[in-house]
Amino acid sequence: MMKRELLQHDTEVVAQLEKDLRYISVIIKQKGRELLTDYAITPPQFIALQWLFEEGDMTIGELSNKMYLACSTTTDLIDRMEKKELVMRVRDPKDRRVVRIHLLEIGKKIIDEVIQKRQKYLHDILVDFSADEVMNLKEHLSRLHHDMRKG
C-alpha cells in the first residue's frame, strides 16, 4: 500500500523534495566549511578525518574509495595530515605489508568540536519546531537514508 501511494505522488512534489534536499545539503556543506576556518584543515581533510572517526583505521585504498578520490590524491592528503599530526600510518600487526591510517588525538578533537558546533547550529535552526515535528523529521530522514543505502 505504501509503495502504491508513492507511485501516485505528484511529480512536482517529488521534484520540490529533491530540490529542498539538494539545497539543504549545500547549506550544510557551506556551514561546515565556515566552521573549518577555525581549524588549520581543508574540507577534504575533514572528510577523511570523519571517515576515520566513524569507521576506524583503514588503508589508503579503503579511504580513497570512501572519498571517491584517486589513491595518489589520498596519499598526498594523508601526507599533509600526518605533518599536522592529525593521523599516522601504522603497520597492520597481522600483515606487515598493510599500512593503515590511524586517527590521532588532535584529529579526534577537531572532529568532536566541529560536530558539536554543527549540532548546535542545527539545534538553533530547529528551535521553532515542536518536539513532535523534530521526532517526525528525524524518523523520516532516517528511513529515507536507510532506504537509499540499501537500494
Protein backbone atom coordinates (compact mmCIF):
# COMPACT_ATOMS: atom_id res chain seq x y z
CA MET A 1 0.00 0.00 0.00
CA MET A 2 2.81 2.45 0.85
CA LYS A 3 4.68 1.66 -2.40
CA ARG A 4 1.49 2.16 -4.41
CA GLU A 5 0.90 5.56 -2.78
CA LEU A 6 4.48 6.57 -3.57
CA LEU A 7 3.95 5.86 -7.27
CA GLN A 8 0.97 8.19 -7.23
CA HIS A 9 2.87 11.17 -5.72
CA ASP A 10 2.76 14.28 -7.80
CA THR A 11 5.99 14.63 -9.77
CA GLU A 12 6.11 18.32 -8.78
CA VAL A 13 6.14 17.36 -5.08
CA VAL A 14 8.97 14.88 -5.66
CA ALA A 15 10.86 17.49 -7.72
CA GLN A 16 10.48 20.04 -4.90
CA LEU A 17 11.57 17.48 -2.30
CA GLU A 18 14.70 16.71 -4.35
CA LYS A 19 15.43 20.43 -4.69
CA ASP A 20 14.95 21.07 -0.95
CA LEU A 21 17.26 18.17 -0.06
CA ARG A 22 19.89 19.43 -2.51
CA TYR A 23 19.71 22.97 -1.10
CA ILE A 24 19.89 21.65 2.49
CA SER A 25 22.98 19.65 1.52
CA VAL A 26 24.64 22.77 0.06
CA ILE A 27 23.86 24.79 3.20
CA ILE A 28 25.26 22.05 5.44
CA LYS A 29 28.47 21.89 3.37
CA GLN A 30 28.80 25.68 3.39
CA LYS A 31 28.22 25.88 7.15
CA GLY A 32 30.72 23.06 7.66
CA ARG A 33 33.34 24.95 5.63
CA GLU A 34 32.72 28.10 7.69
CA LEU A 35 33.30 26.10 10.88
CA LEU A 36 36.58 24.72 9.47
CA THR A 37 38.05 28.22 9.19
CA ASP A 38 38.73 27.97 12.95
CA TYR A 39 40.99 24.98 12.25
CA ALA A 40 44.03 24.55 10.02
CA ILE A 41 42.44 21.85 7.85
CA THR A 42 40.80 21.73 4.44
CA PRO A 43 37.33 20.30 3.71
CA PRO A 44 38.81 17.11 2.14
CA GLN A 45 41.00 16.63 5.23
CA PHE A 46 37.92 16.99 7.42
CA ILE A 47 36.05 14.40 5.35
CA ALA A 48 38.99 12.00 5.72
CA LEU A 49 39.03 12.61 9.48
CA GLN A 50 35.28 11.94 9.65
CA TRP A 51 35.64 8.61 7.85
CA LEU A 52 38.47 7.54 10.16
CA PHE A 53 36.49 8.70 13.20
CA GLU A 54 33.37 6.79 12.17
CA GLU A 55 34.91 3.66 10.61
CA GLY A 56 38.26 3.32 12.41
CA ASP A 57 41.67 2.67 10.88
CA MET A 58 41.73 1.97 7.15
CA THR A 59 44.16 1.69 4.28
CA ILE A 60 44.75 4.46 1.75
CA GLY A 61 42.82 2.36 -0.80
CA GLU A 62 39.81 1.98 1.51
CA LEU A 63 39.82 5.70 2.34
CA SER A 64 40.20 6.58 -1.36
CA ASN A 65 37.11 4.51 -2.18
CA LYS A 66 35.07 6.16 0.60
CA MET A 67 36.08 9.63 -0.58
CA TYR A 68 35.87 8.87 -4.33
CA LEU A 69 39.47 10.03 -4.81
CA ALA A 70 42.45 8.53 -6.62
CA CYS A 71 44.89 6.74 -4.32
CA SER A 72 47.63 9.25 -5.25
CA THR A 73 45.39 12.15 -4.20
CA THR A 74 44.55 10.43 -0.92
CA THR A 75 48.24 9.72 -0.30
CA ASP A 76 49.04 13.44 -0.70
CA LEU A 77 46.15 14.30 1.62
CA ILE A 78 47.40 11.85 4.26
CA ASP A 79 50.97 13.17 3.92
CA ARG A 80 49.78 16.69 4.76
CA MET A 81 47.57 15.42 7.60
CA GLU A 82 50.46 13.41 9.04
CA LYS A 83 52.63 16.56 9.11
CA LYS A 84 49.87 18.28 11.14
CA GLU A 85 49.83 15.26 13.50
CA LEU A 86 46.16 14.55 12.76
CA VAL A 87 46.83 10.97 11.62
CA MET A 88 49.66 8.48 11.48
CA ARG A 89 50.49 5.49 9.33
CA VAL A 90 50.68 2.21 11.24
CA ARG A 91 51.64 -1.25 10.02
CA ASP A 92 48.98 -3.91 10.42
CA PRO A 93 50.25 -6.32 13.13
CA LYS A 94 48.70 -9.28 11.25
CA ASP A 95 50.23 -8.35 7.89
CA ARG A 96 53.25 -6.02 7.97
CA ARG A 97 52.79 -5.23 4.27
CA VAL A 98 49.49 -3.46 5.03
CA VAL A 99 49.65 0.14 6.22
CA ARG A 100 46.61 1.64 7.91
CA ILE A 101 45.81 5.27 8.61
CA HIS A 102 45.18 5.88 12.32
CA LEU A 103 43.37 8.94 13.70
CA LEU A 104 45.38 10.75 16.38
CA GLU A 105 44.05 12.74 19.36
CA ILE A 106 44.32 16.14 17.63
CA GLY A 107 42.24 14.78 14.72
CA LYS A 108 39.65 13.32 17.13
CA LYS A 109 39.44 16.64 18.99
CA ILE A 110 38.83 18.59 15.76
CA ILE A 111 36.10 16.17 14.63
CA ASP A 112 34.42 16.28 18.03
CA GLU A 113 34.47 20.10 18.21
CA VAL A 114 33.22 20.62 14.64
CA ILE A 115 30.43 18.05 15.06
CA GLN A 116 29.34 19.73 18.31
CA LYS A 117 29.25 23.10 16.52
CA ARG A 118 27.24 21.59 13.64
CA GLN A 119 24.78 20.08 16.11
CA LYS A 120 24.41 23.43 17.90
CA TYR A 121 23.74 25.11 14.55
CA LEU A 122 21.04 22.55 13.74
CA HIS A 123 19.61 22.83 17.27
CA ASP A 124 19.33 26.61 16.82
CA ILE A 125 17.54 26.14 13.47
CA LEU A 126 15.09 23.64 14.99
CA VAL A 127 14.20 25.86 17.97
CA ASP A 128 10.84 26.82 16.43
CA PHE A 129 9.91 23.19 15.67
CA SER A 130 7.79 21.27 18.16
CA ALA A 131 9.23 18.14 19.80
CA ASP A 132 6.87 16.03 17.65
CA GLU A 133 8.00 17.79 14.46
CA VAL A 134 11.65 17.17 15.31
CA MET A 135 10.98 13.48 16.06
CA ASN A 136 8.97 13.06 12.84
CA LEU A 137 11.69 14.75 10.81
CA LYS A 138 14.33 12.51 12.39
CA GLU A 139 12.30 9.36 11.76
CA HIS A 140 11.50 10.26 8.16
CA LEU A 141 15.09 11.25 7.33
CA SER A 142 16.42 8.08 9.00
CA ARG A 143 14.03 5.99 6.93
CA LEU A 144 14.96 7.83 3.74
CA HIS A 145 18.66 7.37 4.49
CA HIS A 146 18.16 3.66 5.27
CA ASP A 147 16.17 3.05 2.07
CA MET A 148 18.71 4.95 -0.04
CA ARG A 149 21.62 2.93 1.40
CA LYS A 150 20.01 -0.42 0.66
CA GLY A 151 18.72 0.48 -2.76
